[in-house]
Amino acid sequence: MFASIGRLFSAAGARPVLLEFDAPASGPVTREQRGIELRDVSKGTYRLTVVISDPASGTTVTRTQRFQVVER
């Protein structure tokens, strides 16, 4: 889905990549799934940060998870 994003992860110290999605909730709980193609990403440790915000209330929730890309 985002195959071209793999090139942005190539070198150590590379700048962060920002993907934004605007998906208004249709009710009190709305499930969304997004995928990022990591096939061409160099092996190493990465950090994924997800920020969810509610403009109506000004509430923001941030979660960060480290993950490891290894050779197949």
PDB file of N, CA and C in Angstrom:
ATOM      1  N   MET A   1       0.815  -1.192   0.000  1.00  0.00           N
ATOM      2  CA  MET A   1       0.000   0.000   0.000  1.00  0.00           C
ATOM      3  C   MET A   1       0.861   1.259   0.000  1.00  0.00           C
ATOM      4  N   PHE A   2       1.888   1.298   0.838  1.00  0.00           N
ATOM      5  CA  PHE A   2       2.785   2.450   0.892  1.00  0.00           C
ATOM      6  C   PHE A   2       4.192   2.003   0.497  1.00  0.00           C
ATOM      7  N   ALA A   3       4.340   1.287  -0.612  1.00  0.00           N
ATOM      8  CA  ALA A   3       5.615   0.689  -1.004  1.00  0.00           C
ATOM      9  C   ALA A   3       6.734   1.715  -1.089  1.00  0.00           C
ATOM     10  N   SER A   4       6.462   2.902  -1.559  1.00  0.00           N
ATOM     11  CA  SER A   4       7.518   3.903  -1.728  1.00  0.00           C
ATOM     12  C   SER A   4       8.072   4.409  -0.404  1.00  0.00           C
ATOM     13  N   ILE A   5       7.367   4.187   0.685  1.00  0.00           N
ATOM     14  CA  ILE A   5       7.841   4.676   1.988  1.00  0.00           C
ATOM     15  C   ILE A   5       9.107   3.944   2.434  1.00  0.00           C
ATOM     16  N   GLY A   6       9.309   2.718   1.957  1.00  0.00           N
ATOM     17  CA  GLY A   6      10.480   1.944   2.346  1.00  0.00           C
ATOM     18  C   GLY A   6      11.781   2.674   2.068  1.00  0.00           C
ATOM     19  N   ARG A   7      11.873   3.407   0.981  1.00  0.00           N
ATOM     20  CA  ARG A   7      13.093   4.141   0.643  1.00  0.00           C
ATOM     21  C   ARG A   7      13.394   5.238   1.656  1.00  0.00           C
ATOM     22  N   LEU A   8      12.413   5.724   2.357  1.00  0.00           N
ATOM     23  CA  LEU A   8      12.616   6.797   3.323  1.00  0.00           C
ATOM     24  C   LEU A   8      13.269   6.307   4.609  1.00  0.00           C
ATOM     25  N   PHE A   9      13.278   5.004   4.842  1.00  0.00           N
ATOM     26  CA  PHE A   9      13.828   4.441   6.062  1.00  0.00           C
ATOM     27  C   PHE A   9      15.281   4.011   5.904  1.00  0.00           C
ATOM     28  N   SER A  10      15.943   4.299   4.791  1.00  0.00           N
ATOM     29  CA  SER A  10      17.178   3.641   4.422  1.00  0.00           C
ATOM     30  C   SER A  10      18.382   3.880   5.327  1.00  0.00           C
ATOM     31  N   ALA A  11      18.713   5.068   5.696  1.00  0.00           N
ATOM     32  CA  ALA A  11      19.975   5.321   6.393  1.00  0.00           C
ATOM     33  C   ALA A  11      19.770   5.623   7.874  1.00  0.00           C
ATOM     34  N   ALA A  12      20.798   5.275   8.660  1.00  0.00           N
ATOM     35  CA  ALA A  12      20.758   5.612  10.087  1.00  0.00           C
ATOM     36  C   ALA A  12      20.700   7.130  10.220  1.00  0.00           C
ATOM     37  N   GLY A  13      19.927   7.603  11.143  1.00  0.00           N
ATOM     38  CA  GLY A  13      19.809   9.040  11.337  1.00  0.00           C
ATOM     39  C   GLY A  13      18.895   9.705  10.316  1.00  0.00           C
ATOM     40  N   ALA A  14      18.187   8.906   9.533  1.00  0.00           N
ATOM     41  CA  ALA A  14      17.279   9.479   8.537  1.00  0.00           C
ATOM     42  C   ALA A  14      16.171  10.263   9.233  1.00  0.00           C
ATOM     43  N   ARG A  15      15.661  11.233   8.543  1.00  0.00           N
ATOM     44  CA  ARG A  15      14.586  12.047   9.117  1.00  0.00           C
ATOM     45  C   ARG A  15      13.323  11.220   9.296  1.00  0.00           C
ATOM     46  N   PRO A  16      12.502  11.562  10.274  1.00  0.00           N
ATOM     47  CA  PRO A  16      11.246  10.824  10.493  1.00  0.00           C
ATOM     48  C   PRO A  16      10.303  10.957   9.301  1.00  0.00           C
ATOM     49  N   VAL A  17       9.478   9.958   9.135  1.00  0.00           N
ATOM     50  CA  VAL A  17       8.456   9.955   8.092  1.00  0.00           C
ATOM     51  C   VAL A  17       7.121  10.212   8.771  1.00  0.00           C
ATOM     52  N   LEU A  18       6.318  11.066   8.195  1.00  0.00           N
ATOM     53  CA  LEU A  18       5.023  11.392   8.770  1.00  0.00           C
ATOM     54  C   LEU A  18       3.929  10.987   7.789  1.00  0.00           C
ATOM     55  N   LEU A  19       3.010  10.151   8.255  1.00  0.00           N
ATOM     56  CA  LEU A  19       1.820   9.795   7.492  1.00  0.00           C
ATOM     57  C   LEU A  19       0.623  10.279   8.291  1.00  0.00           C
ATOM     58  N   GLU A  20      -0.273  10.991   7.646  1.00  0.00           N
ATOM     59  CA  GLU A  20      -1.456  11.479   8.339  1.00  0.00           C
ATOM     60  C   GLU A  20      -2.705  10.921   7.683  1.00  0.00           C
ATOM     61  N   PHE A  21      -3.673  10.553   8.511  1.00  0.00           N
ATOM     62  CA  PHE A  21      -4.952  10.055   8.035  1.00  0.00           C
ATOM     63  C   PHE A  21      -6.042  10.791   8.790  1.00  0.00           C
ATOM     64  N   ASP A  22      -7.006  11.293   8.070  1.00  0.00           N
ATOM     65  CA  ASP A  22      -8.143  11.952   8.687  1.00  0.00           C
ATOM     66  C   ASP A  22      -9.325  10.988   8.565  1.00  0.00           C
ATOM     67  N   ALA A  23      -9.721  10.392   9.680  1.00  0.00           N
ATOM     68  CA  ALA A  23     -10.798   9.410   9.674  1.00  0.00           C
ATOM     69  C   ALA A  23     -11.751   9.704  10.822  1.00  0.00           C
ATOM     70  N   PRO A  24     -12.751  10.529  10.586  1.00  0.00           N
ATOM     71  CA  PRO A  24     -13.700  10.860  11.649  1.00  0.00           C
ATOM     72  C   PRO A  24     -14.412   9.608  12.176  1.00  0.00           C
ATOM     73  N   ALA A  25     -14.640   9.575  13.465  1.00  0.00           N
ATOM     74  CA  ALA A  25     -15.339   8.444  14.098  1.00  0.00           C
ATOM     75  C   ALA A  25     -16.811   8.487  13.735  1.00  0.00           C
ATOM     76  N   SER A  26     -17.375   7.298  13.529  1.00  0.00           N
ATOM     77  CA  SER A  26     -18.799   7.214  13.211  1.00  0.00           C
ATOM     78  C   SER A  26     -19.635   6.881  14.443  1.00  0.00           C
ATOM     79  N   GLY A  27     -18.986   6.738  15.589  1.00  0.00           N
ATOM     80  CA  GLY A  27     -19.669   6.411  16.831  1.00  0.00           C
ATOM     81  C   GLY A  27     -18.680   6.472  17.976  1.00  0.00           C
ATOM     82  N   PRO A  28     -19.067   5.986  19.152  1.00  0.00           N
ATOM     83  CA  PRO A  28     -18.169   6.061  20.308  1.00  0.00           C
ATOM     84  C   PRO A  28     -16.901   5.220  20.129  1.00  0.00           C
ATOM     85  N   VAL A  29     -16.977   4.141  19.331  1.00  0.00           N
ATOM     86  CA  VAL A  29     -15.805   3.327  19.021  1.00  0.00           C
ATOM     87  C   VAL A  29     -15.783   3.103  17.517  1.00  0.00           C
ATOM     88  N   THR A  30     -14.696   3.470  16.867  1.00  0.00           N
ATOM     89  CA  THR A  30     -14.542   3.256  15.436  1.00  0.00           C
ATOM     90  C   THR A  30     -13.200   2.586  15.205  1.00  0.00           C
ATOM     91  N   ARG A  31     -13.197   1.438  14.551  1.00  0.00           N
ATOM     92  CA  ARG A  31     -11.954   0.709  14.296  1.00  0.00           C
ATOM     93  C   ARG A  31     -11.411   1.082  12.917  1.00  0.00           C
ATOM     94  N   GLU A  32     -10.123   1.350  12.873  1.00  0.00           N
ATOM     95  CA  GLU A  32      -9.430   1.669  11.625  1.00  0.00           C
ATOM     96  C   GLU A  32      -8.209   0.774  11.518  1.00  0.00           C
ATOM     97  N   GLN A  33      -7.903   0.307  10.330  1.00  0.00           N
ATOM     98  CA  GLN A  33      -6.680  -0.446  10.099  1.00  0.00           C
ATOM     99  C   GLN A  33      -5.905   0.229   8.990  1.00  0.00           C
ATOM    100  N   ARG A  34      -4.596   0.379   9.202  1.00  0.00           N
ATOM    101  CA  ARG A  34      -3.709   0.956   8.194  1.00  0.00           C
ATOM    102  C   ARG A  34      -2.523   0.016   8.042  1.00  0.00           C
ATOM    103  N   GLY A  35      -1.969  -0.037   6.871  1.00  0.00           N
ATOM    104  CA  GLY A  35      -0.800  -0.869   6.632  1.00  0.00           C
ATOM    105  C   GLY A  35       0.327  -0.053   6.027  1.00  0.00           C
ATOM    106  N   ILE A  36       1.543  -0.445   6.351  1.00  0.00           N
ATOM    107  CA  ILE A  36       2.728   0.189   5.782  1.00  0.00           C
ATOM    108  C   ILE A  36       3.621  -0.928   5.259  1.00  0.00           C
ATOM    109  N   GLU A  37       3.976  -0.873   3.993  1.00  0.00           N
ATOM    110  CA  GLU A  37       4.827  -1.885   3.372  1.00  0.00           C
ATOM    111  C   GLU A  37       6.276  -1.647   3.793  1.00  0.00           C
ATOM    112  N   LEU A  38       6.870  -2.618   4.456  1.00  0.00           N
ATOM    113  CA  LEU A  38       8.251  -2.492   4.959  1.00  0.00           C
ATOM    114  C   LEU A  38       9.216  -3.411   4.214  1.00  0.00           C
ATOM    115  N   ARG A  39       8.832  -3.936   3.070  1.00  0.00           N
ATOM    116  CA  ARG A  39       9.633  -4.912   2.346  1.00  0.00           C
ATOM    117  C   ARG A  39      11.049  -4.424   2.039  1.00  0.00           C
ATOM    118  N   ASP A  40      11.237  -3.179   1.655  1.00  0.00           N
ATOM    119  CA  ASP A  40      12.548  -2.658   1.255  1.00  0.00           C
ATOM    120  C   ASP A  40      13.256  -1.888   2.367  1.00  0.00           C
ATOM    121  N   VAL A  41      12.786  -2.014   3.585  1.00  0.00           N
ATOM    122  CA  VAL A  41      13.380  -1.289   4.716  1.00  0.00           C
ATOM    123  C   VAL A  41      14.654  -1.995   5.165  1.00  0.00           C
ATOM    124  N   SER A  42      15.689  -1.239   5.471  1.00  0.00           N
ATOM    125  CA  SER A  42      16.938  -1.811   5.976  1.00  0.00           C
ATOM    126  C   SER A  42      16.698  -2.427   7.345  1.00  0.00           C
ATOM    127  N   LYS A  43      17.452  -3.520   7.636  1.00  0.00           N
ATOM    128  CA  LYS A  43      17.291  -4.138   8.951  1.00  0.00           C
ATOM    129  C   LYS A  43      17.752  -3.157  10.024  1.00  0.00           C
ATOM    130  N   GLY A  44      17.139  -3.259  11.193  1.00  0.00           N
ATOM    131  CA  GLY A  44      17.474  -2.374  12.301  1.00  0.00           C
ATOM    132  C   GLY A  44      16.285  -2.172  13.215  1.00  0.00           C
ATOM    133  N   THR A  45      16.465  -1.310  14.186  1.00  0.00           N
ATOM    134  CA  THR A  45      15.421  -1.001  15.151  1.00  0.00           C
ATOM    135  C   THR A  45      14.744   0.310  14.757  1.00  0.00           C
ATOM    136  N   TYR A  46      13.433   0.305  14.795  1.00  0.00           N
ATOM    137  CA  TYR A  46      12.641   1.470  14.415  1.00  0.00           C
ATOM    138  C   TYR A  46      11.636   1.780  15.519  1.00  0.00           C
ATOM    139  N   ARG A  47      11.046   2.950  15.434  1.00  0.00           N
ATOM    140  CA  ARG A  47      10.038   3.373  16.407  1.00  0.00           C
ATOM    141  C   ARG A  47       8.814   3.856  15.638  1.00  0.00           C
ATOM    142  N   LEU A  48       7.652   3.320  16.018  1.00  0.00           N
ATOM    143  CA  LEU A  48       6.379   3.732  15.435  1.00  0.00           C
ATOM    144  C   LEU A  48       5.612   4.503  16.493  1.00  0.00           C
ATOM    145  N   THR A  49       5.217   5.719  16.170  1.00  0.00           N
ATOM    146  CA  THR A  49       4.427   6.538  17.090  1.00  0.00           C
ATOM    147  C   THR A  49       3.079   6.821  16.451  1.00  0.00           C
ATOM    148  N   VAL A  50       2.016   6.545  17.185  1.00  0.00           N
ATOM    149  CA  VAL A  50       0.654   6.799  16.718  1.00  0.00           C
ATOM    150  C   VAL A  50       0.047   7.869  17.622  1.00  0.00           C
ATOM    151  N   VAL A  51      -0.483   8.912  16.996  1.00  0.00           N
ATOM    152  CA  VAL A  51      -1.131  10.004  17.727  1.00  0.00           C
ATOM    153  C   VAL A  51      -2.587  10.060  17.286  1.00  0.00           C
ATOM    154  N   ILE A  52      -3.494   9.987  18.253  1.00  0.00           N
ATOM    155  CA  ILE A  52      -4.922  10.093  17.980  1.00  0.00           C
ATOM    156  C   ILE A  52      -5.427  11.343  18.682  1.00  0.00           C
ATOM    157  N   SER A  53      -6.127  12.180  17.937  1.00  0.00           N
ATOM    158  CA  SER A  53      -6.602  13.424  18.552  1.00  0.00           C
ATOM    159  C   SER A  53      -8.081  13.635  18.279  1.00  0.00           C
ATOM    160  N   ASP A  54      -8.708  14.305  19.212  1.00  0.00           N
ATOM    161  CA  ASP A  54     -10.115  14.673  19.099  1.00  0.00           C
ATOM    162  C   ASP A  54     -10.179  16.197  19.107  1.00  0.00           C
ATOM    163  N   PRO A  55     -10.303  16.812  17.935  1.00  0.00           N
ATOM    164  CA  PRO A  55     -10.317  18.274  17.861  1.00  0.00           C
ATOM    165  C   PRO A  55     -11.455  18.902  18.664  1.00  0.00           C
ATOM    166  N   ALA A  56     -12.576  18.193  18.784  1.00  0.00           N
ATOM    167  CA  ALA A  56     -13.720  18.746  19.502  1.00  0.00           C
ATOM    168  C   ALA A  56     -13.406  18.968  20.979  1.00  0.00           C
ATOM    169  N   SER A  57     -12.677  18.023  21.588  1.00  0.00           N
ATOM    170  CA  SER A  57     -12.373  18.145  23.016  1.00  0.00           C
ATOM    171  C   SER A  57     -10.945  18.621  23.278  1.00  0.00           C
ATOM    172  N   GLY A  58     -10.110  18.592  22.224  1.00  0.00           N
ATOM    173  CA  GLY A  58      -8.704  18.961  22.409  1.00  0.00           C
ATOM    174  C   GLY A  58      -7.870  17.843  23.008  1.00  0.00           C
ATOM    175  N   THR A  59      -8.439  16.648  23.135  1.00  0.00           N
ATOM    176  CA  THR A  59      -7.742  15.505  23.719  1.00  0.00           C
ATOM    177  C   THR A  59      -6.825  14.858  22.682  1.00  0.00           C
ATOM    178  N   THR A  60      -5.607  14.506  23.109  1.00  0.00           N
ATOM    179  CA  THR A  60      -4.654  13.801  22.264  1.00  0.00           C
ATOM    180  C   THR A  60      -4.070  12.638  23.042  1.00  0.00           C
ATOM    181  N   VAL A  61      -3.989  11.476  22.392  1.00  0.00           N
ATOM    182  CA  VAL A  61      -3.387  10.285  22.992  1.00  0.00           C
ATOM    183  C   VAL A  61      -2.251   9.852  22.084  1.00  0.00           C
ATOM    184  N   THR A  62      -1.074   9.591  22.662  1.00  0.00           N
ATOM    185  CA  THR A  62       0.102   9.175  21.899  1.00  0.00           C
ATOM    186  C   THR A  62       0.609   7.847  22.427  1.00  0.00           C
ATOM    187  N   ARG A  63       0.903   6.922  21.521  1.00  0.00           N
ATOM    188  CA  ARG A  63       1.489   5.629  21.881  1.00  0.00           C
ATOM    189  C   ARG A  63       2.698   5.401  20.981  1.00  0.00           C
ATOM    190  N   THR A  64       3.796   4.897  21.561  1.00  0.00           N
ATOM    191  CA  THR A  64       5.011   4.613  20.816  1.00  0.00           C
ATOM    192  C   THR A  64       5.414   3.164  21.046  1.00  0.00           C
ATOM    193  N   GLN A  65       5.823   2.494  19.972  1.00  0.00           N
ATOM    194  CA  GLN A  65       6.277   1.105  20.061  1.00  0.00           C
ATOM    195  C   GLN A  65       7.530   0.941  19.209  1.00  0.00           C
ATOM    196  N   ARG A  66       8.563   0.373  19.790  1.00  0.00           N
ATOM    197  CA  ARG A  66       9.770   0.048  19.025  1.00  0.00           C
ATOM    198  C   ARG A  66       9.567  -1.317  18.375  1.00  0.00           C
ATOM    199  N   PHE A  67      10.163  -1.501  17.185  1.00  0.00           N
ATOM    200  CA  PHE A  67      10.103  -2.800  16.531  1.00  0.00           C
ATOM    201  C   PHE A  67      11.410  -3.045  15.790  1.00  0.00           C
ATOM    202  N   GLN A  68      11.686  -4.313  15.524  1.00  0.00           N
ATOM    203  CA  GLN A  68      12.932  -4.733  14.892  1.00  0.00           C
ATOM    204  C   GLN A  68      12.635  -5.300  13.510  1.00  0.00           C
ATOM    205  N   VAL A  69      13.381  -4.841  12.510  1.00  0.00           N
ATOM    206  CA  VAL A  69      13.311  -5.407  11.173  1.00  0.00           C
ATOM    207  C   VAL A  69      14.529  -6.300  11.015  1.00  0.00           C
ATOM    208  N   VAL A  70      14.301  -7.581  10.650  1.00  0.00           N
ATOM    209  CA  VAL A  70      15.395  -8.541  10.511  1.00  0.00           C
ATOM    210  C   VAL A  70      15.396  -9.094   9.088  1.00  0.00           C
ATOM    211  N   GLU A  71      16.504  -9.728   8.713  1.00  0.00           N
ATOM    212  CA  GLU A  71      16.585 -10.352   7.391  1.00  0.00           C
ATOM    213  C   GLU A  71      15.719 -11.592   7.365  1.00  0.00           C
ATOM    214  N   ARG A  72      15.171 -11.893   6.218  1.00  0.00           N
ATOM    215  CA  ARG A  72      14.356 -13.120   6.055  1.00  0.00           C
ATOM    216  C   ARG A  72      15.226 -14.229   5.595  1.00  0.00           C
TER     217      ARG A  72
END
